[in-house]
Amino acid sequence: MLLGRVAGTVVSSRKEPLIEGWKLLLVRQLDADNHEGGGYVVAADAVGAGVGEVVLYATGSSARQTEMTKDRPCDAVVMAIVDTWEIGGHEVYRK
């Protein structure tokens, strides 16, 4: 799993029928200090996340392990919305 922040949404009016109805999010990876870095990924939203929220997401074959994405063409999925995280007793993020 990776930490990321939802940067926006992706809209596609024509898509593979197996992913019809999915909300697609543009997610940017976060490091342990809550700094954005790396690239962006388009992820299926399995939990109802919104723009600006910090989320947990998975990529690759792990992305096809949720109920929504099982046996479907998906390479990234948002599977949790983060409320807080801490490192060494120090809170790094709070929703």
PDB file of N, CA and C in Angstrom:
ATOM      1  N   MET A   1       0.847  -1.182   0.000  1.00  0.00           N
ATOM      2  CA  MET A   1       0.000   0.000   0.000  1.00  0.00           C
ATOM      3  C   MET A   1       0.886   1.236   0.000  1.00  0.00           C
ATOM      4  N   LEU A   2       0.359   2.278  -0.590  1.00  0.00           N
ATOM      5  CA  LEU A   2       1.060   3.546  -0.696  1.00  0.00           C
ATOM      6  C   LEU A   2       0.167   4.664  -0.179  1.00  0.00           C
ATOM      7  N   LEU A   3       0.793   5.725   0.347  1.00  0.00           N
ATOM      8  CA  LEU A   3       0.055   6.917   0.752  1.00  0.00           C
ATOM      9  C   LEU A   3       0.020   7.891  -0.412  1.00  0.00           C
ATOM     10  N   GLY A   4      -1.127   8.525  -0.615  1.00  0.00           N
ATOM     11  CA  GLY A   4      -1.237   9.506  -1.679  1.00  0.00           C
ATOM     12  C   GLY A   4      -2.282  10.547  -1.345  1.00  0.00           C
ATOM     13  N   ARG A   5      -2.263  11.634  -2.098  1.00  0.00           N
ATOM     14  CA  ARG A   5      -3.284  12.678  -1.964  1.00  0.00           C
ATOM     15  C   ARG A   5      -4.041  12.764  -3.277  1.00  0.00           C
ATOM     16  N   VAL A   6      -5.360  12.807  -3.176  1.00  0.00           N
ATOM     17  CA  VAL A   6      -6.192  12.902  -4.374  1.00  0.00           C
ATOM     18  C   VAL A   6      -6.045  14.309  -4.950  1.00  0.00           C
ATOM     19  N   ALA A   7      -5.516  14.377  -6.179  1.00  0.00           N
ATOM     20  CA  ALA A   7      -5.256  15.655  -6.832  1.00  0.00           C
ATOM     21  C   ALA A   7      -6.416  16.086  -7.720  1.00  0.00           C
ATOM     22  N   GLY A   8      -7.220  15.134  -8.152  1.00  0.00           N
ATOM     23  CA  GLY A   8      -8.324  15.472  -9.035  1.00  0.00           C
ATOM     24  C   GLY A   8      -9.077  14.239  -9.478  1.00  0.00           C
ATOM     25  N   THR A   9      -9.963  14.433 -10.429  1.00  0.00           N
ATOM     26  CA  THR A   9     -10.751  13.333 -10.965  1.00  0.00           C
ATOM     27  C   THR A   9     -10.441  13.177 -12.445  1.00  0.00           C
ATOM     28  N   VAL A  10     -10.751  12.013 -12.955  1.00  0.00           N
ATOM     29  CA  VAL A  10     -10.580  11.713 -14.375  1.00  0.00           C
ATOM     30  C   VAL A  10     -11.942  11.272 -14.900  1.00  0.00           C
ATOM     31  N   VAL A  11     -12.388  11.893 -15.976  1.00  0.00           N
ATOM     32  CA  VAL A  11     -13.679  11.557 -16.561  1.00  0.00           C
ATOM     33  C   VAL A  11     -13.450  10.936 -17.929  1.00  0.00           C
ATOM     34  N   SER A  12     -14.109   9.824 -18.169  1.00  0.00           N
ATOM     35  CA  SER A  12     -14.016   9.130 -19.448  1.00  0.00           C
ATOM     36  C   SER A  12     -15.417   8.707 -19.856  1.00  0.00           C
ATOM     37  N   SER A  13     -15.905   9.275 -20.954  1.00  0.00           N
ATOM     38  CA  SER A  13     -17.272   8.967 -21.370  1.00  0.00           C
ATOM     39  C   SER A  13     -17.366   7.620 -22.086  1.00  0.00           C
ATOM     40  N   ARG A  14     -16.248   7.131 -22.610  1.00  0.00           N
ATOM     41  CA  ARG A  14     -16.233   5.827 -23.270  1.00  0.00           C
ATOM     42  C   ARG A  14     -15.166   4.976 -22.612  1.00  0.00           C
ATOM     43  N   LYS A  15     -15.554   3.794 -22.168  1.00  0.00           N
ATOM     44  CA  LYS A  15     -14.597   2.925 -21.494  1.00  0.00           C
ATOM     45  C   LYS A  15     -15.024   1.469 -21.608  1.00  0.00           C
ATOM     46  N   GLU A  16     -14.128   0.601 -21.248  1.00  0.00           N
ATOM     47  CA  GLU A  16     -14.370  -0.830 -21.218  1.00  0.00           C
ATOM     48  C   GLU A  16     -15.598  -1.098 -20.336  1.00  0.00           C
ATOM     49  N   PRO A  17     -16.530  -1.918 -20.798  1.00  0.00           N
ATOM     50  CA  PRO A  17     -17.741  -2.189 -20.010  1.00  0.00           C
ATOM     51  C   PRO A  17     -17.470  -2.712 -18.593  1.00  0.00           C
ATOM     52  N   LEU A  18     -16.359  -3.407 -18.381  1.00  0.00           N
ATOM     53  CA  LEU A  18     -16.057  -3.932 -17.047  1.00  0.00           C
ATOM     54  C   LEU A  18     -15.724  -2.845 -16.031  1.00  0.00           C
ATOM     55  N   ILE A  19     -15.476  -1.624 -16.488  1.00  0.00           N
ATOM     56  CA  ILE A  19     -15.202  -0.538 -15.550  1.00  0.00           C
ATOM     57  C   ILE A  19     -16.245   0.583 -15.634  1.00  0.00           C
ATOM     58  N   GLU A  20     -17.358   0.317 -16.290  1.00  0.00           N
ATOM     59  CA  GLU A  20     -18.454   1.288 -16.355  1.00  0.00           C
ATOM     60  C   GLU A  20     -18.919   1.618 -14.934  1.00  0.00           C
ATOM     61  N   GLY A  21     -19.175   2.889 -14.692  1.00  0.00           N
ATOM     62  CA  GLY A  21     -19.697   3.324 -13.401  1.00  0.00           C
ATOM     63  C   GLY A  21     -18.632   3.601 -12.361  1.00  0.00           C
ATOM     64  N   TRP A  22     -17.382   3.334 -12.659  1.00  0.00           N
ATOM     65  CA  TRP A  22     -16.312   3.585 -11.697  1.00  0.00           C
ATOM     66  C   TRP A  22     -15.971   5.064 -11.643  1.00  0.00           C
ATOM     67  N   LYS A  23     -15.721   5.562 -10.445  1.00  0.00           N
ATOM     68  CA  LYS A  23     -15.180   6.900 -10.252  1.00  0.00           C
ATOM     69  C   LYS A  23     -13.657   6.764 -10.326  1.00  0.00           C
ATOM     70  N   LEU A  24     -13.018   7.580 -11.154  1.00  0.00           N
ATOM     71  CA  LEU A  24     -11.573   7.519 -11.328  1.00  0.00           C
ATOM     72  C   LEU A  24     -10.930   8.762 -10.719  1.00  0.00           C
ATOM     73  N   LEU A  25      -9.873   8.547  -9.942  1.00  0.00           N
ATOM     74  CA  LEU A  25      -9.196   9.628  -9.248  1.00  0.00           C
ATOM     75  C   LEU A  25      -7.750   9.747  -9.713  1.00  0.00           C
ATOM     76  N   LEU A  26      -7.239  10.971  -9.743  1.00  0.00           N
ATOM     77  CA  LEU A  26      -5.835  11.223 -10.014  1.00  0.00           C
ATOM     78  C   LEU A  26      -5.154  11.367  -8.657  1.00  0.00           C
ATOM     79  N   VAL A  27      -4.218  10.462  -8.356  1.00  0.00           N
ATOM     80  CA  VAL A  27      -3.588  10.398  -7.035  1.00  0.00           C
ATOM     81  C   VAL A  27      -2.089  10.648  -7.173  1.00  0.00           C
ATOM     82  N   ARG A  28      -1.544  11.479  -6.274  1.00  0.00           N
ATOM     83  CA  ARG A  28      -0.096  11.726  -6.239  1.00  0.00           C
ATOM     84  C   ARG A  28       0.474  11.138  -4.960  1.00  0.00           C
ATOM     85  N   GLN A  29       1.548  10.386  -5.090  1.00  0.00           N
ATOM     86  CA  GLN A  29       2.165   9.707  -3.955  1.00  0.00           C
ATOM     87  C   GLN A  29       2.722  10.700  -2.941  1.00  0.00           C
ATOM     88  N   LEU A  30       2.634  10.331  -1.656  1.00  0.00           N
ATOM     89  CA  LEU A  30       3.188  11.118  -0.556  1.00  0.00           C
ATOM     90  C   LEU A  30       4.328  10.347   0.089  1.00  0.00           C
ATOM     91  N   ASP A  31       5.327  11.078   0.617  1.00  0.00           N
ATOM     92  CA  ASP A  31       6.375  10.408   1.382  1.00  0.00           C
ATOM     93  C   ASP A  31       5.976  10.407   2.857  1.00  0.00           C
ATOM     94  N   ALA A  32       6.822   9.856   3.710  1.00  0.00           N
ATOM     95  CA  ALA A  32       6.502   9.710   5.129  1.00  0.00           C
ATOM     96  C   ALA A  32       6.333  11.053   5.840  1.00  0.00           C
ATOM     97  N   ASP A  33       6.878  12.124   5.266  1.00  0.00           N
ATOM     98  CA  ASP A  33       6.760  13.447   5.869  1.00  0.00           C
ATOM     99  C   ASP A  33       5.593  14.249   5.316  1.00  0.00           C
ATOM    100  N   ASN A  34       4.717  13.591   4.561  1.00  0.00           N
ATOM    101  CA  ASN A  34       3.525  14.219   3.993  1.00  0.00           C
ATOM    102  C   ASN A  34       3.874  15.204   2.874  1.00  0.00           C
ATOM    103  N   HIS A  35       4.964  14.930   2.158  1.00  0.00           N
ATOM    104  CA  HIS A  35       5.343  15.746   1.012  1.00  0.00           C
ATOM    105  C   HIS A  35       5.026  14.994  -0.266  1.00  0.00           C
ATOM    106  N   GLU A  36       4.465  15.713  -1.225  1.00  0.00           N
ATOM    107  CA  GLU A  36       4.162  15.096  -2.511  1.00  0.00           C
ATOM    108  C   GLU A  36       5.450  14.859  -3.286  1.00  0.00           C
ATOM    109  N   GLY A  37       5.494  13.745  -3.981  1.00  0.00           N
ATOM    110  CA  GLY A  37       6.662  13.429  -4.785  1.00  0.00           C
ATOM    111  C   GLY A  37       6.307  12.357  -5.783  1.00  0.00           C
ATOM    112  N   GLY A  38       7.197  12.115  -6.689  1.00  0.00           N
ATOM    113  CA  GLY A  38       6.918  11.089  -7.683  1.00  0.00           C
ATOM    114  C   GLY A  38       5.824  11.535  -8.629  1.00  0.00           C
ATOM    115  N   GLY A  39       5.305  10.564  -9.339  1.00  0.00           N
ATOM    116  CA  GLY A  39       4.311  10.868 -10.352  1.00  0.00           C
ATOM    117  C   GLY A  39       2.892  10.721  -9.864  1.00  0.00           C
ATOM    118  N   TYR A  40       2.019  10.722 -10.829  1.00  0.00           N
ATOM    119  CA  TYR A  40       0.588  10.572 -10.584  1.00  0.00           C
ATOM    120  C   TYR A  40       0.143   9.204 -11.084  1.00  0.00           C
ATOM    121  N   VAL A  41      -0.958   8.728 -10.518  1.00  0.00           N
ATOM    122  CA  VAL A  41      -1.564   7.491 -10.982  1.00  0.00           C
ATOM    123  C   VAL A  41      -3.073   7.706 -11.039  1.00  0.00           C
ATOM    124  N   VAL A  42      -3.710   7.110 -12.032  1.00  0.00           N
ATOM    125  CA  VAL A  42      -5.171   7.109 -12.094  1.00  0.00           C
ATOM    126  C   VAL A  42      -5.635   5.852 -11.382  1.00  0.00           C
ATOM    127  N   ALA A  43      -6.489   6.027 -10.376  1.00  0.00           N
ATOM    128  CA  ALA A  43      -6.922   4.906  -9.548  1.00  0.00           C
ATOM    129  C   ALA A  43      -8.439   4.830  -9.477  1.00  0.00           C
ATOM    130  N   ALA A  44      -8.957   3.628  -9.491  1.00  0.00           N
ATOM    131  CA  ALA A  44     -10.381   3.401  -9.254  1.00  0.00           C
ATOM    132  C   ALA A  44     -10.664   3.709  -7.783  1.00  0.00           C
ATOM    133  N   ASP A  45     -11.778   4.342  -7.516  1.00  0.00           N
ATOM    134  CA  ASP A  45     -12.139   4.724  -6.147  1.00  0.00           C
ATOM    135  C   ASP A  45     -13.108   3.711  -5.560  1.00  0.00           C
ATOM    136  N   ALA A  46     -12.630   2.911  -4.607  1.00  0.00           N
ATOM    137  CA  ALA A  46     -13.470   1.886  -3.979  1.00  0.00           C
ATOM    138  C   ALA A  46     -14.099   2.361  -2.678  1.00  0.00           C
ATOM    139  N   VAL A  47     -13.773   3.601  -2.224  1.00  0.00           N
ATOM    140  CA  VAL A  47     -14.218   4.039  -0.900  1.00  0.00           C
ATOM    141  C   VAL A  47     -14.895   5.406  -0.849  1.00  0.00           C
ATOM    142  N   GLY A  48     -15.053   6.080  -1.969  1.00  0.00           N
ATOM    143  CA  GLY A  48     -15.718   7.380  -1.977  1.00  0.00           C
ATOM    144  C   GLY A  48     -14.830   8.534  -1.554  1.00  0.00           C
ATOM    145  N   ALA A  49     -13.564   8.504  -1.920  1.00  0.00           N
ATOM    146  CA  ALA A  49     -12.626   9.575  -1.574  1.00  0.00           C
ATOM    147  C   ALA A  49     -12.899  10.823  -2.406  1.00  0.00           C
ATOM    148  N   GLY A  50     -12.428  11.967  -1.887  1.00  0.00           N
ATOM    149  CA  GLY A  50     -12.616  13.224  -2.594  1.00  0.00           C
ATOM    150  C   GLY A  50     -11.303  13.950  -2.819  1.00  0.00           C
ATOM    151  N   VAL A  51     -11.336  14.961  -3.645  1.00  0.00           N
ATOM    152  CA  VAL A  51     -10.150  15.757  -3.957  1.00  0.00           C
ATOM    153  C   VAL A  51      -9.586  16.356  -2.676  1.00  0.00           C
ATOM    154  N   GLY A  52      -8.277  16.264  -2.507  1.00  0.00           N
ATOM    155  CA  GLY A  52      -7.589  16.802  -1.342  1.00  0.00           C
ATOM    156  C   GLY A  52      -7.408  15.806  -0.212  1.00  0.00           C
ATOM    157  N   GLU A  53      -8.138  14.703  -0.243  1.00  0.00           N
ATOM    158  CA  GLU A  53      -8.019  13.728   0.843  1.00  0.00           C
ATOM    159  C   GLU A  53      -6.757  12.881   0.696  1.00  0.00           C
ATOM    160  N   VAL A  54      -6.228  12.470   1.853  1.00  0.00           N
ATOM    161  CA  VAL A  54      -5.098  11.546   1.883  1.00  0.00           C
ATOM    162  C   VAL A  54      -5.679  10.142   1.907  1.00  0.00           C
ATOM    163  N   VAL A  55      -5.132   9.275   1.062  1.00  0.00           N
ATOM    164  CA  VAL A  55      -5.680   7.935   0.885  1.00  0.00           C
ATOM    165  C   VAL A  55      -4.567   6.883   0.878  1.00  0.00           C
ATOM    166  N   LEU A  56      -4.983   5.636   1.072  1.00  0.00           N
ATOM    167  CA  LEU A  56      -4.120   4.488   0.834  1.00  0.00           C
ATOM    168  C   LEU A  56      -4.532   3.902  -0.500  1.00  0.00           C
ATOM    169  N   TYR A  57      -3.547   3.597  -1.339  1.00  0.00           N
ATOM    170  CA  TYR A  57      -3.862   3.000  -2.623  1.00  0.00           C
ATOM    171  C   TYR A  57      -2.876   1.880  -2.922  1.00  0.00           C
ATOM    172  N   ALA A  58      -3.294   0.984  -3.783  1.00  0.00           N
ATOM    173  CA  ALA A  58      -2.452  -0.135  -4.199  1.00  0.00           C
ATOM    174  C   ALA A  58      -2.359  -0.123  -5.710  1.00  0.00           C
ATOM    175  N   THR A  59      -1.251  -0.641  -6.213  1.00  0.00           N
ATOM    176  CA  THR A  59      -1.046  -0.715  -7.655  1.00  0.00           C
ATOM    177  C   THR A  59      -0.684  -2.145  -8.048  1.00  0.00           C
ATOM    178  N   GLY A  60      -0.703  -2.395  -9.339  1.00  0.00           N
ATOM    179  CA  GLY A  60      -0.344  -3.723  -9.841  1.00  0.00           C
ATOM    180  C   GLY A  60      -1.405  -4.754  -9.519  1.00  0.00           C
ATOM    181  N   SER A  61      -0.981  -6.001  -9.384  1.00  0.00           N
ATOM    182  CA  SER A  61      -1.943  -7.081  -9.146  1.00  0.00           C
ATOM    183  C   SER A  61      -2.697  -6.908  -7.824  1.00  0.00           C
ATOM    184  N   SER A  62      -2.101  -6.230  -6.858  1.00  0.00           N
ATOM    185  CA  SER A  62      -2.792  -5.970  -5.585  1.00  0.00           C
ATOM    186  C   SER A  62      -4.033  -5.116  -5.779  1.00  0.00           C
ATOM    187  N   ALA A  63      -4.056  -4.298  -6.828  1.00  0.00           N
ATOM    188  CA  ALA A  63      -5.210  -3.429  -7.085  1.00  0.00           C
ATOM    189  C   ALA A  63      -6.442  -4.234  -7.475  1.00  0.00           C
ATOM    190  N   ARG A  64      -6.266  -5.463  -7.866  1.00  0.00           N
ATOM    191  CA  ARG A  64      -7.405  -6.298  -8.276  1.00  0.00           C
ATOM    192  C   ARG A  64      -7.880  -7.209  -7.147  1.00  0.00           C
ATOM    193  N   GLN A  65      -7.591  -6.835  -5.902  1.00  0.00           N
ATOM    194  CA  GLN A  65      -7.971  -7.655  -4.761  1.00  0.00           C
ATOM    195  C   GLN A  65      -9.152  -7.109  -3.970  1.00  0.00           C
ATOM    196  N   THR A  66      -9.733  -5.979  -4.392  1.00  0.00           N
ATOM    197  CA  THR A  66     -10.913  -5.468  -3.690  1.00  0.00           C
ATOM    198  C   THR A  66     -12.163  -6.097  -4.296  1.00  0.00           C
ATOM    199  N   GLU A  67     -13.257  -6.014  -3.589  1.00  0.00           N
ATOM    200  CA  GLU A  67     -14.513  -6.554  -4.127  1.00  0.00           C
ATOM    201  C   GLU A  67     -14.885  -5.880  -5.442  1.00  0.00           C
ATOM    202  N   MET A  68     -14.658  -4.582  -5.526  1.00  0.00           N
ATOM    203  CA  MET A  68     -15.033  -3.817  -6.719  1.00  0.00           C
ATOM    204  C   MET A  68     -14.164  -4.159  -7.921  1.00  0.00           C
ATOM    205  N   THR A  69     -12.888  -4.420  -7.696  1.00  0.00           N
ATOM    206  CA  THR A  69     -11.943  -4.572  -8.805  1.00  0.00           C
ATOM    207  C   THR A  69     -11.590  -6.012  -9.142  1.00  0.00           C
ATOM    208  N   LYS A  70     -12.096  -6.955  -8.386  1.00  0.00           N
ATOM    209  CA  LYS A  70     -11.735  -8.368  -8.598  1.00  0.00           C
ATOM    210  C   LYS A  70     -12.036  -8.796 -10.040  1.00  0.00           C
ATOM    211  N   ASP A  71     -11.012  -9.345 -10.681  1.00  0.00           N
ATOM    212  CA  ASP A  71     -11.118  -9.864 -12.056  1.00  0.00           C
ATOM    213  C   ASP A  71     -11.508  -8.801 -13.079  1.00  0.00           C
ATOM    214  N   ARG A  72     -11.123  -7.553 -12.811  1.00  0.00           N
ATOM    215  CA  ARG A  72     -11.405  -6.462 -13.747  1.00  0.00           C
ATOM    216  C   ARG A  72     -10.097  -5.777 -14.133  1.00  0.00           C
ATOM    217  N   PRO A  73     -10.069  -5.098 -15.273  1.00  0.00           N
ATOM    218  CA  PRO A  73      -8.835  -4.460 -15.733  1.00  0.00           C
ATOM    219  C   PRO A  73      -8.528  -3.201 -14.917  1.00  0.00           C
ATOM    220  N   CYS A  74      -7.754  -3.353 -13.856  1.00  0.00           N
ATOM    221  CA  CYS A  74      -7.447  -2.253 -12.954  1.00  0.00           C
ATOM    222  C   CYS A  74      -5.994  -2.360 -12.504  1.00  0.00           C
ATOM    223  N   ASP A  75      -5.267  -1.249 -12.585  1.00  0.00           N
ATOM    224  CA  ASP A  75      -3.868  -1.256 -12.165  1.00  0.00           C
ATOM    225  C   ASP A  75      -3.630  -0.420 -10.911  1.00  0.00           C
ATOM    226  N   ALA A  76      -4.659   0.319 -10.445  1.00  0.00           N
ATOM    227  CA  ALA A  76      -4.530   1.096  -9.210  1.00  0.00           C
ATOM    228  C   ALA A  76      -5.912   1.280  -8.601  1.00  0.00           C
ATOM    229  N   VAL A  77      -5.984   1.189  -7.259  1.00  0.00           N
ATOM    230  CA  VAL A  77      -7.256   1.354  -6.571  1.00  0.00           C
ATOM    231  C   VAL A  77      -7.040   2.082  -5.250  1.00  0.00           C
ATOM    232  N   VAL A  78      -7.932   3.057  -4.963  1.00  0.00           N
ATOM    233  CA  VAL A  78      -7.957   3.704  -3.652  1.00  0.00           C
ATOM    234  C   VAL A  78      -8.802   2.816  -2.766  1.00  0.00           C
ATOM    235  N   MET A  79      -8.211   2.345  -1.650  1.00  0.00           N
ATOM    236  CA  MET A  79      -8.903   1.390  -0.795  1.00  0.00           C
ATOM    237  C   MET A  79      -9.146   1.868   0.630  1.00  0.00           C
ATOM    238  N   ALA A  80      -8.657   3.075   0.973  1.00  0.00           N
ATOM    239  CA  ALA A  80      -8.896   3.613   2.312  1.00  0.00           C
ATOM    240  C   ALA A  80      -8.679   5.113   2.308  1.00  0.00           C
ATOM    241  N   ILE A  81      -9.427   5.815   3.169  1.00  0.00           N
ATOM    242  CA  ILE A  81      -9.225   7.239   3.403  1.00  0.00           C
ATOM    243  C   ILE A  81      -8.537   7.363   4.754  1.00  0.00           C
ATOM    244  N   VAL A  82      -7.421   8.072   4.793  1.00  0.00           N
ATOM    245  CA  VAL A  82      -6.602   8.184   6.008  1.00  0.00           C
ATOM    246  C   VAL A  82      -7.184   9.247   6.931  1.00  0.00           C
ATOM    247  N   ASP A  83      -7.342   8.895   8.209  1.00  0.00           N
ATOM    248  CA  ASP A  83      -7.774   9.853   9.228  1.00  0.00           C
ATOM    249  C   ASP A  83      -6.564  10.505   9.891  1.00  0.00           C
ATOM    250  N   THR A  84      -5.598   9.693  10.299  1.00  0.00           N
ATOM    251  CA  THR A  84      -4.362  10.195  10.909  1.00  0.00           C
ATOM    252  C   THR A  84      -3.230   9.234  10.595  1.00  0.00           C
ATOM    253  N   TRP A  85      -1.993   9.764  10.700  1.00  0.00           N
ATOM    254  CA  TRP A  85      -0.842   8.871  10.738  1.00  0.00           C
ATOM    255  C   TRP A  85       0.237   9.525  11.575  1.00  0.00           C
ATOM    256  N   GLU A  86       1.012   8.656  12.224  1.00  0.00           N
ATOM    257  CA  GLU A  86       2.095   9.146  13.071  1.00  0.00           C
ATOM    258  C   GLU A  86       3.338   8.306  12.848  1.00  0.00           C
ATOM    259  N   ILE A  87       4.472   8.911  13.131  1.00  0.00           N
ATOM    260  CA  ILE A  87       5.757   8.223  13.049  1.00  0.00           C
ATOM    261  C   ILE A  87       6.501   8.510  14.338  1.00  0.00           C
ATOM    262  N   GLY A  88       6.898   7.458  15.030  1.00  0.00           N
ATOM    263  CA  GLY A  88       7.666   7.628  16.276  1.00  0.00           C
ATOM    264  C   GLY A  88       6.957   8.464  17.304  1.00  0.00           C
ATOM    265  N   GLY A  89       5.637   8.351  17.398  1.00  0.00           N
ATOM    266  CA  GLY A  89       4.875   9.105  18.377  1.00  0.00           C
ATOM    267  C   GLY A  89       4.560  10.531  17.954  1.00  0.00           C
ATOM    268  N   HIS A  90       5.057  10.949  16.796  1.00  0.00           N
ATOM    269  CA  HIS A  90       4.792  12.305  16.289  1.00  0.00           C
ATOM    270  C   HIS A  90       3.747  12.242  15.200  1.00  0.00           C
ATOM    271  N   GLU A  91       2.656  12.988  15.394  1.00  0.00           N
ATOM    272  CA  GLU A  91       1.589  12.989  14.387  1.00  0.00           C
ATOM    273  C   GLU A  91       2.030  13.771  13.151  1.00  0.00           C
ATOM    274  N   VAL A  92       1.977  13.112  12.016  1.00  0.00           N
ATOM    275  CA  VAL A  92       2.366  13.715  10.748  1.00  0.00           C
ATOM    276  C   VAL A  92       1.160  14.305  10.031  1.00  0.00           C
ATOM    277  N   TYR A  93       0.010  13.641  10.184  1.00  0.00           N
ATOM    278  CA  TYR A  93      -1.192  14.084   9.468  1.00  0.00           C
ATOM    279  C   TYR A  93      -2.429  13.787  10.288  1.00  0.00           C
ATOM    280  N   ARG A  94      -3.376  14.716  10.250  1.00  0.00           N
ATOM    281  CA  ARG A  94      -4.712  14.529  10.832  1.00  0.00           C
ATOM    282  C   ARG A  94      -5.708  15.140   9.865  1.00  0.00           C
ATOM    283  N   LYS A  95      -6.739  14.395   9.575  1.00  0.00           N
ATOM    284  CA  LYS A  95      -7.776  14.844   8.626  1.00  0.00           C
ATOM    285  C   LYS A  95      -8.537  16.027   9.204  1.00  0.00           C
TER     286      LYS A  95
END
